[in-house]
């Protein structure tokens, strides 16, 4: 049996177009809407508090967090939709559930770091986001190599954020 890793089967049934559109919007909207909401909610703290922390030269500027997250969420949302195309939630329950779990953890990181200002918990959450992302990518790889590749920017970003979170915790001990 020939398996194409570079293209997905296009469903010729027009009746499924609405379902596919809804599912695509769900997977894209999940990360984007949640990320935008967390950013808007935490914007004041990002603008004021983040600048007061002791940082390293390689730390991202406060304006870099949101665009990097949007790029990562867009790519992983597209990948999740592609994985769904390989049999729906019933056949891809583990990788898609792990993707949902990682997304929820990513949402939690923003208010824990910028609102609660708990650097240790923020590091632990970020490291969990990074770890679940790597496992998610490995599971996506078993389905389609290109879709797993779409998760690479997210994996790199959360690996970098884990290092940033660790250094923030080390350089800024709580009183």
N, C-alpha and C. Protein backbone atom coordinates (compact mmCIF):
# COMPACT_ATOMS: atom_id res chain seq x y z
N UNK A 1 0.85 -1.18 0.00
CA UNK A 1 0.00 0.00 0.00
C UNK A 1 0.89 1.23 0.00
N UNK A 2 0.65 2.13 -0.92
CA UNK A 2 1.42 3.35 -1.05
C UNK A 2 0.86 4.40 -0.09
N UNK A 3 1.75 5.00 0.70
CA UNK A 3 1.36 6.07 1.62
C UNK A 3 2.03 7.36 1.18
N UNK A 4 1.24 8.36 0.93
CA UNK A 4 1.79 9.65 0.55
C UNK A 4 2.01 10.50 1.79
N UNK A 5 3.24 10.91 2.00
CA UNK A 5 3.54 11.77 3.13
C UNK A 5 3.49 13.24 2.74
N UNK A 6 3.40 13.52 1.46
CA UNK A 6 3.45 14.90 1.03
C UNK A 6 2.10 15.49 0.67
N UNK A 7 1.06 14.68 0.65
CA UNK A 7 -0.25 15.24 0.35
C UNK A 7 -1.31 14.45 1.11
N UNK A 8 -2.41 15.12 1.34
CA UNK A 8 -3.55 14.47 1.99
C UNK A 8 -4.60 14.19 0.94
N UNK A 9 -5.40 13.19 1.20
CA UNK A 9 -6.50 12.87 0.30
C UNK A 9 -7.56 13.96 0.42
N UNK A 10 -7.99 14.48 -0.71
CA UNK A 10 -9.05 15.48 -0.72
C UNK A 10 -10.37 14.75 -0.86
N UNK A 11 -11.25 14.99 0.09
CA UNK A 11 -12.56 14.34 0.10
C UNK A 11 -13.43 14.93 -1.00
N UNK A 12 -13.86 14.11 -1.99
CA UNK A 12 -14.61 14.66 -3.12
C UNK A 12 -16.07 14.98 -2.79
N UNK A 13 -16.56 14.62 -1.62
CA UNK A 13 -17.96 14.84 -1.30
C UNK A 13 -18.21 16.27 -0.85
N UNK A 14 -18.98 17.04 -1.65
CA UNK A 14 -19.24 18.43 -1.27
C UNK A 14 -20.01 18.54 0.05
N UNK A 15 -20.78 17.52 0.41
CA UNK A 15 -21.55 17.58 1.64
C UNK A 15 -20.66 17.65 2.88
N UNK A 16 -19.42 17.24 2.73
CA UNK A 16 -18.49 17.26 3.86
C UNK A 16 -17.75 18.60 3.97
N UNK A 17 -17.93 19.48 3.00
CA UNK A 17 -17.19 20.74 3.01
C UNK A 17 -17.52 21.57 4.25
N UNK A 18 -18.77 21.62 4.64
CA UNK A 18 -19.17 22.38 5.82
C UNK A 18 -18.53 21.79 7.08
N UNK A 19 -18.57 20.46 7.19
CA UNK A 19 -17.97 19.80 8.34
C UNK A 19 -16.47 20.07 8.40
N UNK A 20 -15.80 19.97 7.26
CA UNK A 20 -14.36 20.22 7.23
C UNK A 20 -14.04 21.67 7.56
N UNK A 21 -14.86 22.59 7.06
CA UNK A 21 -14.66 24.00 7.37
C UNK A 21 -14.79 24.26 8.86
N UNK A 22 -15.81 23.67 9.48
CA UNK A 22 -16.02 23.85 10.91
C UNK A 22 -14.84 23.28 11.70
N UNK A 23 -14.40 22.09 11.33
CA UNK A 23 -13.29 21.46 12.04
C UNK A 23 -12.00 22.27 11.87
N UNK A 24 -11.76 22.78 10.66
CA UNK A 24 -10.58 23.61 10.43
C UNK A 24 -10.63 24.86 11.32
N UNK A 25 -11.79 25.52 11.35
CA UNK A 25 -11.95 26.72 12.18
C UNK A 25 -11.77 26.37 13.66
N UNK A 26 -12.26 25.21 14.08
CA UNK A 26 -12.09 24.79 15.47
C UNK A 26 -10.62 24.67 15.82
N UNK A 27 -9.86 23.92 15.04
CA UNK A 27 -8.45 23.68 15.37
C UNK A 27 -7.63 24.96 15.27
N UNK A 28 -7.95 25.82 14.29
CA UNK A 28 -7.24 27.10 14.19
C UNK A 28 -7.67 28.05 15.30
N UNK A 29 -8.98 28.15 15.50
CA UNK A 29 -9.52 29.09 16.47
C UNK A 29 -9.14 28.76 17.90
N UNK A 30 -9.02 27.49 18.21
CA UNK A 30 -8.68 27.07 19.57
C UNK A 30 -7.42 27.78 20.06
N UNK A 31 -6.36 27.66 19.32
CA UNK A 31 -5.10 28.28 19.72
C UNK A 31 -5.10 29.79 19.54
N UNK A 32 -5.66 30.26 18.43
CA UNK A 32 -5.59 31.69 18.14
C UNK A 32 -6.47 32.52 19.06
N UNK A 33 -7.71 32.13 19.22
CA UNK A 33 -8.62 32.90 20.07
C UNK A 33 -8.17 32.85 21.53
N UNK A 34 -7.80 31.67 21.99
CA UNK A 34 -7.30 31.55 23.36
C UNK A 34 -6.02 32.36 23.57
N UNK A 35 -5.12 32.31 22.61
CA UNK A 35 -3.87 33.06 22.72
C UNK A 35 -4.09 34.56 22.71
N UNK A 36 -4.98 35.02 21.84
CA UNK A 36 -5.31 36.45 21.80
C UNK A 36 -5.94 36.88 23.12
N UNK A 37 -6.85 36.07 23.64
CA UNK A 37 -7.52 36.40 24.91
C UNK A 37 -6.50 36.49 26.05
N UNK A 38 -5.58 35.54 26.13
CA UNK A 38 -4.57 35.56 27.19
C UNK A 38 -3.66 36.78 27.05
N UNK A 39 -3.30 37.11 25.82
CA UNK A 39 -2.43 38.25 25.57
C UNK A 39 -3.12 39.56 25.97
N UNK A 40 -4.37 39.74 25.53
CA UNK A 40 -5.11 40.96 25.87
C UNK A 40 -5.26 41.08 27.38
N UNK A 41 -5.60 39.98 28.03
CA UNK A 41 -5.79 39.98 29.48
C UNK A 41 -4.51 40.34 30.23
N UNK A 42 -3.37 39.89 29.71
CA UNK A 42 -2.09 40.06 30.40
C UNK A 42 -1.27 41.23 29.86
N UNK A 43 -1.78 41.97 28.89
CA UNK A 43 -1.00 43.01 28.20
C UNK A 43 -0.36 44.02 29.16
N UNK A 44 -1.12 44.52 30.12
CA UNK A 44 -0.56 45.51 31.04
C UNK A 44 0.61 44.95 31.84
N UNK A 45 0.48 43.71 32.28
CA UNK A 45 1.56 43.09 33.06
C UNK A 45 2.78 42.80 32.19
N UNK A 46 2.54 42.43 30.94
CA UNK A 46 3.65 42.20 30.01
C UNK A 46 4.40 43.52 29.80
N UNK A 47 3.64 44.59 29.57
CA UNK A 47 4.26 45.89 29.30
C UNK A 47 5.02 46.46 30.49
N UNK A 48 4.52 46.24 31.71
CA UNK A 48 5.14 46.87 32.88
C UNK A 48 6.06 45.92 33.65
N UNK A 49 5.54 44.81 34.10
CA UNK A 49 6.30 43.93 35.00
C UNK A 49 7.46 43.22 34.32
N UNK A 50 7.27 42.70 33.09
CA UNK A 50 8.33 41.95 32.42
C UNK A 50 9.60 42.79 32.30
N UNK A 51 9.45 44.07 32.05
CA UNK A 51 10.60 44.96 31.91
C UNK A 51 11.37 45.18 33.20
N UNK A 52 10.77 44.88 34.34
CA UNK A 52 11.46 45.07 35.63
C UNK A 52 12.29 43.86 36.04
N UNK A 53 12.13 42.75 35.34
CA UNK A 53 12.84 41.53 35.70
C UNK A 53 14.29 41.57 35.24
N UNK A 54 15.15 40.89 35.98
CA UNK A 54 16.55 40.71 35.56
C UNK A 54 16.54 39.68 34.45
N UNK A 55 17.14 40.03 33.33
CA UNK A 55 17.12 39.15 32.16
C UNK A 55 18.52 39.00 31.59
N UNK A 56 18.62 38.14 30.59
CA UNK A 56 19.86 37.93 29.84
C UNK A 56 19.71 38.63 28.48
N UNK A 57 20.83 38.81 27.80
CA UNK A 57 20.82 39.47 26.50
C UNK A 57 20.00 38.68 25.47
N UNK A 58 19.91 37.37 25.64
CA UNK A 58 19.23 36.53 24.65
C UNK A 58 17.72 36.40 24.90
N UNK A 59 17.22 37.04 25.95
CA UNK A 59 15.78 36.98 26.24
C UNK A 59 14.99 37.74 25.18
N UNK A 60 13.78 37.28 24.87
CA UNK A 60 12.98 37.99 23.87
C UNK A 60 12.47 39.33 24.41
N UNK A 61 12.33 40.28 23.52
CA UNK A 61 11.70 41.55 23.86
C UNK A 61 10.23 41.27 24.16
N UNK A 62 9.62 42.09 24.99
CA UNK A 62 8.22 41.86 25.36
C UNK A 62 7.29 41.84 24.15
N UNK A 63 7.65 42.52 23.09
CA UNK A 63 6.83 42.54 21.89
C UNK A 63 6.95 41.29 21.02
N UNK A 64 7.85 40.40 21.39
CA UNK A 64 8.08 39.20 20.58
C UNK A 64 7.17 38.04 20.98
N UNK A 65 6.68 38.03 22.21
CA UNK A 65 5.89 36.90 22.71
C UNK A 65 4.64 36.64 21.86
N UNK A 66 3.86 37.67 21.62
CA UNK A 66 2.59 37.48 20.94
C UNK A 66 2.76 37.02 19.48
N UNK A 67 3.56 37.68 18.66
CA UNK A 67 3.72 37.20 17.28
C UNK A 67 4.28 35.77 17.21
N UNK A 68 5.23 35.45 18.07
CA UNK A 68 5.79 34.09 18.06
C UNK A 68 4.72 33.07 18.41
N UNK A 69 3.89 33.39 19.41
CA UNK A 69 2.81 32.47 19.78
C UNK A 69 1.82 32.30 18.64
N UNK A 70 1.45 33.39 17.97
CA UNK A 70 0.47 33.32 16.88
C UNK A 70 1.00 32.44 15.75
N UNK A 71 2.27 32.57 15.41
CA UNK A 71 2.86 31.73 14.36
C UNK A 71 2.82 30.26 14.79
N UNK A 72 3.24 29.98 16.02
CA UNK A 72 3.24 28.60 16.52
C UNK A 72 1.82 28.04 16.54
N UNK A 73 0.85 28.82 17.01
CA UNK A 73 -0.54 28.35 17.10
C UNK A 73 -1.13 28.11 15.72
N UNK A 74 -0.80 28.96 14.76
CA UNK A 74 -1.32 28.79 13.40
C UNK A 74 -0.78 27.50 12.78
N UNK A 75 0.50 27.26 12.92
CA UNK A 75 1.10 26.05 12.36
C UNK A 75 0.55 24.79 13.03
N UNK A 76 0.49 24.79 14.37
CA UNK A 76 0.02 23.58 15.05
C UNK A 76 -1.48 23.38 14.84
N UNK A 77 -2.24 24.47 14.73
CA UNK A 77 -3.66 24.34 14.42
C UNK A 77 -3.87 23.70 13.05
N UNK A 78 -3.08 24.11 12.08
CA UNK A 78 -3.15 23.49 10.75
C UNK A 78 -2.75 22.02 10.80
N UNK A 79 -1.73 21.72 11.58
CA UNK A 79 -1.29 20.33 11.72
C UNK A 79 -2.37 19.48 12.39
N UNK A 80 -3.01 20.01 13.42
CA UNK A 80 -4.07 19.27 14.11
C UNK A 80 -5.23 18.99 13.16
N UNK A 81 -5.59 19.97 12.35
CA UNK A 81 -6.64 19.75 11.36
C UNK A 81 -6.22 18.65 10.38
N UNK A 82 -4.97 18.69 9.94
CA UNK A 82 -4.48 17.66 9.03
C UNK A 82 -4.53 16.28 9.66
N UNK A 83 -4.17 16.18 10.93
CA UNK A 83 -4.22 14.89 11.63
C UNK A 83 -5.67 14.43 11.72
N UNK A 84 -6.57 15.35 12.01
CA UNK A 84 -8.00 15.01 12.06
C UNK A 84 -8.46 14.43 10.72
N UNK A 85 -7.90 14.94 9.62
CA UNK A 85 -8.27 14.44 8.28
C UNK A 85 -7.93 12.96 8.11
N UNK A 86 -7.01 12.45 8.91
CA UNK A 86 -6.63 11.03 8.84
C UNK A 86 -7.49 10.18 9.76
N UNK A 87 -8.78 10.29 9.64
CA UNK A 87 -9.67 9.39 10.37
C UNK A 87 -10.51 10.02 11.46
N UNK A 88 -10.42 11.34 11.61
CA UNK A 88 -11.24 12.00 12.61
C UNK A 88 -10.75 11.75 14.03
N UNK A 89 -11.52 12.24 14.98
CA UNK A 89 -11.13 12.14 16.38
C UNK A 89 -11.14 10.68 16.83
N UNK A 90 -11.99 9.86 16.25
CA UNK A 90 -12.08 8.46 16.70
C UNK A 90 -10.80 7.68 16.39
N UNK A 91 -10.13 7.97 15.28
CA UNK A 91 -8.90 7.26 14.94
C UNK A 91 -7.65 7.99 15.41
N UNK A 92 -7.77 9.26 15.74
CA UNK A 92 -6.60 10.05 16.14
C UNK A 92 -6.79 10.66 17.53
N UNK A 93 -7.47 9.93 18.39
CA UNK A 93 -7.82 10.46 19.70
C UNK A 93 -6.59 10.81 20.55
N UNK A 94 -5.57 10.00 20.53
CA UNK A 94 -4.40 10.25 21.39
C UNK A 94 -3.63 11.50 20.93
N UNK A 95 -3.23 11.60 19.65
CA UNK A 95 -2.48 12.80 19.28
C UNK A 95 -3.31 14.08 19.39
N UNK A 96 -4.59 14.03 19.06
CA UNK A 96 -5.41 15.24 19.13
C UNK A 96 -5.71 15.64 20.58
N UNK A 97 -5.90 14.65 21.45
CA UNK A 97 -6.11 14.96 22.86
C UNK A 97 -4.85 15.55 23.46
N UNK A 98 -3.70 15.03 23.10
CA UNK A 98 -2.44 15.58 23.59
C UNK A 98 -2.25 17.01 23.09
N UNK A 99 -2.65 17.26 21.85
CA UNK A 99 -2.58 18.62 21.31
C UNK A 99 -3.48 19.56 22.12
N UNK A 100 -4.68 19.12 22.44
CA UNK A 100 -5.59 19.93 23.26
C UNK A 100 -4.98 20.20 24.64
N UNK A 101 -4.41 19.17 25.24
CA UNK A 101 -3.79 19.31 26.56
C UNK A 101 -2.64 20.33 26.51
N UNK A 102 -1.82 20.24 25.47
CA UNK A 102 -0.70 21.18 25.34
C UNK A 102 -1.22 22.61 25.18
N UNK A 103 -2.28 22.77 24.42
CA UNK A 103 -2.86 24.11 24.21
C UNK A 103 -3.38 24.69 25.52
N UNK A 104 -4.04 23.87 26.31
CA UNK A 104 -4.54 24.33 27.61
C UNK A 104 -3.38 24.71 28.53
N UNK A 105 -2.33 23.91 28.54
CA UNK A 105 -1.15 24.25 29.34
C UNK A 105 -0.53 25.57 28.88
N UNK A 106 -0.48 25.78 27.57
CA UNK A 106 0.08 27.02 27.04
C UNK A 106 -0.76 28.22 27.49
N UNK A 107 -2.08 28.05 27.50
CA UNK A 107 -2.95 29.12 27.99
C UNK A 107 -2.65 29.41 29.46
N UNK A 108 -2.37 28.39 30.24
CA UNK A 108 -2.12 28.56 31.68
C UNK A 108 -0.81 29.29 31.94
N UNK A 109 0.18 29.11 31.08
CA UNK A 109 1.50 29.70 31.31
C UNK A 109 1.44 31.23 31.36
N UNK A 110 0.69 31.83 30.46
CA UNK A 110 0.65 33.30 30.37
C UNK A 110 0.17 33.94 31.67
N UNK A 111 -1.02 33.58 32.20
CA UNK A 111 -1.44 34.24 33.45
C UNK A 111 -0.60 33.84 34.66
N UNK A 112 -0.05 32.64 34.66
CA UNK A 112 0.80 32.25 35.80
C UNK A 112 2.08 33.08 35.82
N UNK A 113 2.65 33.33 34.66
CA UNK A 113 3.86 34.14 34.62
C UNK A 113 3.54 35.62 34.79
N UNK A 114 2.64 36.14 33.98
CA UNK A 114 2.45 37.59 33.93
C UNK A 114 1.42 38.12 34.94
N UNK A 115 0.45 37.34 35.34
CA UNK A 115 -0.55 37.80 36.31
C UNK A 115 -0.18 37.37 37.74
N UNK A 116 0.02 36.07 37.94
CA UNK A 116 0.37 35.57 39.28
C UNK A 116 1.84 35.84 39.60
N UNK A 117 2.65 36.00 38.57
CA UNK A 117 4.08 36.28 38.72
C UNK A 117 4.81 35.20 39.51
N UNK A 118 4.38 33.97 39.30
CA UNK A 118 5.01 32.83 39.97
C UNK A 118 6.00 32.21 38.99
N UNK A 119 7.26 32.58 39.13
CA UNK A 119 8.28 32.18 38.16
C UNK A 119 8.57 30.68 38.17
N UNK A 120 8.54 30.06 39.35
CA UNK A 120 8.80 28.62 39.42
C UNK A 120 7.68 27.83 38.76
N UNK A 121 6.45 28.13 39.09
CA UNK A 121 5.32 27.42 38.48
C UNK A 121 5.27 27.70 36.98
N UNK A 122 5.58 28.92 36.58
CA UNK A 122 5.61 29.25 35.15
C UNK A 122 6.65 28.40 34.43
N UNK A 123 7.82 28.20 35.05
CA UNK A 123 8.83 27.35 34.43
C UNK A 123 8.33 25.91 34.31
N UNK A 124 7.75 25.38 35.37
CA UNK A 124 7.24 24.00 35.35
C UNK A 124 6.18 23.84 34.26
N UNK A 125 5.24 24.78 34.19
CA UNK A 125 4.19 24.72 33.17
C UNK A 125 4.80 24.81 31.77
N UNK A 126 5.72 25.73 31.57
CA UNK A 126 6.34 25.89 30.26
C UNK A 126 7.11 24.63 29.85
N UNK A 127 7.81 24.03 30.79
CA UNK A 127 8.53 22.81 30.49
C UNK A 127 7.55 21.68 30.14
N UNK A 128 6.40 21.65 30.81
CA UNK A 128 5.37 20.66 30.47
C UNK A 128 4.80 20.92 29.07
N UNK A 129 4.63 22.18 28.71
CA UNK A 129 4.16 22.52 27.36
C UNK A 129 5.18 22.02 26.33
N UNK A 130 6.45 22.25 26.61
CA UNK A 130 7.52 21.81 25.72
C UNK A 130 7.52 20.28 25.59
N UNK A 131 7.45 19.59 26.72
CA UNK A 131 7.47 18.13 26.70
C UNK A 131 6.26 17.53 26.00
N UNK A 132 5.08 18.05 26.28
CA UNK A 132 3.89 17.52 25.60
C UNK A 132 3.93 17.85 24.11
N UNK A 133 4.53 18.98 23.77
CA UNK A 133 4.68 19.32 22.35
C UNK A 133 5.58 18.34 21.62
N UNK A 134 6.67 17.94 22.26
CA UNK A 134 7.56 16.96 21.63
C UNK A 134 6.87 15.61 21.44
N UNK A 135 6.12 15.19 22.46
CA UNK A 135 5.39 13.92 22.34
C UNK A 135 4.31 14.04 21.27
N UNK A 136 3.59 15.16 21.26
CA UNK A 136 2.58 15.40 20.22
C UNK A 136 3.21 15.32 18.83
N UNK A 137 4.35 15.96 18.66
CA UNK A 137 5.02 15.94 17.35
C UNK A 137 5.42 14.52 16.96
N UNK A 138 5.89 13.73 17.92
CA UNK A 138 6.24 12.34 17.63
C UNK A 138 5.00 11.54 17.20
N UNK A 139 3.88 11.79 17.86
CA UNK A 139 2.64 11.10 17.48
C UNK A 139 2.14 11.57 16.12
N UNK A 140 2.27 12.86 15.84
CA UNK A 140 1.89 13.38 14.52
C UNK A 140 2.80 12.78 13.45
N UNK A 141 4.07 12.58 13.78
CA UNK A 141 5.03 12.01 12.83
C UNK A 141 4.61 10.61 12.39
N UNK A 142 4.00 9.86 13.29
CA UNK A 142 3.53 8.51 12.95
C UNK A 142 2.40 8.55 11.93
N UNK A 143 1.73 9.71 11.82
CA UNK A 143 0.62 9.85 10.88
C UNK A 143 1.10 10.49 9.58
N UNK A 144 1.85 11.59 9.69
CA UNK A 144 2.27 12.32 8.49
C UNK A 144 3.48 13.18 8.83
N UNK A 145 4.55 13.03 8.09
CA UNK A 145 5.80 13.74 8.38
C UNK A 145 5.67 15.25 8.16
N UNK A 146 4.92 15.67 7.16
CA UNK A 146 4.77 17.09 6.89
C UNK A 146 3.99 17.77 8.01
N UNK A 147 2.92 17.12 8.47
CA UNK A 147 2.13 17.68 9.56
C UNK A 147 2.95 17.76 10.85
N UNK A 148 3.78 16.78 11.09
CA UNK A 148 4.67 16.84 12.25
C UNK A 148 5.65 18.00 12.09
N UNK A 149 6.12 18.23 10.87
CA UNK A 149 7.03 19.34 10.61
C UNK A 149 6.41 20.70 10.88
N UNK A 150 5.09 20.80 10.70
CA UNK A 150 4.41 22.06 11.00
C UNK A 150 4.47 22.39 12.50
N UNK A 151 4.70 21.38 13.32
CA UNK A 151 4.78 21.59 14.77
C UNK A 151 6.18 22.03 15.21
N UNK A 152 7.15 21.95 14.33
CA UNK A 152 8.53 22.30 14.68
C UNK A 152 8.69 23.73 15.21
N UNK A 153 8.08 24.76 14.58
CA UNK A 153 8.22 26.11 15.16
C UNK A 153 7.68 26.19 16.59
N UNK A 154 6.59 25.51 16.88
CA UNK A 154 6.04 25.48 18.23
C UNK A 154 7.00 24.80 19.20
N UNK A 155 7.55 23.67 18.79
CA UNK A 155 8.48 22.94 19.66
C UNK A 155 9.72 23.78 19.96
N UNK A 156 10.24 24.45 18.96
CA UNK A 156 11.41 25.31 19.15
C UNK A 156 11.05 26.47 20.07
N UNK A 157 9.91 27.10 19.84
CA UNK A 157 9.49 28.24 20.65
C UNK A 157 9.33 27.85 22.12
N UNK A 158 8.66 26.73 22.39
CA UNK A 158 8.45 26.34 23.78
C UNK A 158 9.73 25.80 24.44
N UNK A 159 10.64 25.26 23.66
CA UNK A 159 11.95 24.91 24.21
C UNK A 159 12.70 26.17 24.63
N UNK A 160 12.66 27.17 23.78
CA UNK A 160 13.29 28.46 24.08
C UNK A 160 12.62 29.11 25.29
N UNK A 161 11.28 29.11 25.33
CA UNK A 161 10.57 29.70 26.47
C UNK A 161 10.86 28.95 27.77
N UNK A 162 11.07 27.66 27.68
CA UNK A 162 11.44 26.90 28.89
C UNK A 162 12.78 27.39 29.44
N UNK A 163 13.73 27.63 28.54
CA UNK A 163 15.03 28.16 28.97
C UNK A 163 14.88 29.57 29.55
N UNK A 164 14.04 30.39 28.91
CA UNK A 164 13.79 31.75 29.42
C UNK A 164 13.14 31.67 30.80
N UNK A 165 12.13 30.81 30.94
CA UNK A 165 11.43 30.67 32.22
C UNK A 165 12.37 30.20 33.33
N UNK A 166 13.24 29.27 33.00
CA UNK A 166 14.20 28.78 33.99
C UNK A 166 15.13 29.91 34.44
N UNK A 167 15.63 30.67 33.48
CA UNK A 167 16.54 31.77 33.82
C UNK A 167 15.82 32.89 34.56
N UNK A 168 14.57 33.16 34.22
CA UNK A 168 13.80 34.16 34.97
C UNK A 168 13.69 33.74 36.43
N UNK A 169 13.40 32.48 36.66
CA UNK A 169 13.28 31.97 38.02
C UNK A 169 14.62 32.06 38.76
N UNK A 170 15.71 31.70 38.07
CA UNK A 170 17.04 31.75 38.69
C UNK A 170 17.49 33.18 38.99
N UNK A 171 17.24 34.11 38.10
CA UNK A 171 17.74 35.47 38.25
C UNK A 171 16.85 36.37 39.10
N UNK A 172 15.61 35.96 39.34
CA UNK A 172 14.66 36.80 40.06
C UNK A 172 14.03 36.02 41.21
N UNK A 173 14.80 35.77 42.25
CA UNK A 173 14.24 35.01 43.37
C UNK A 173 13.08 35.77 44.03
N UNK A 174 12.07 35.03 44.44
CA UNK A 174 10.93 35.67 45.10
C UNK A 174 11.32 36.11 46.50
N UNK A 175 10.67 37.14 46.95
CA UNK A 175 11.00 37.68 48.29
C UNK A 175 10.45 36.83 49.41
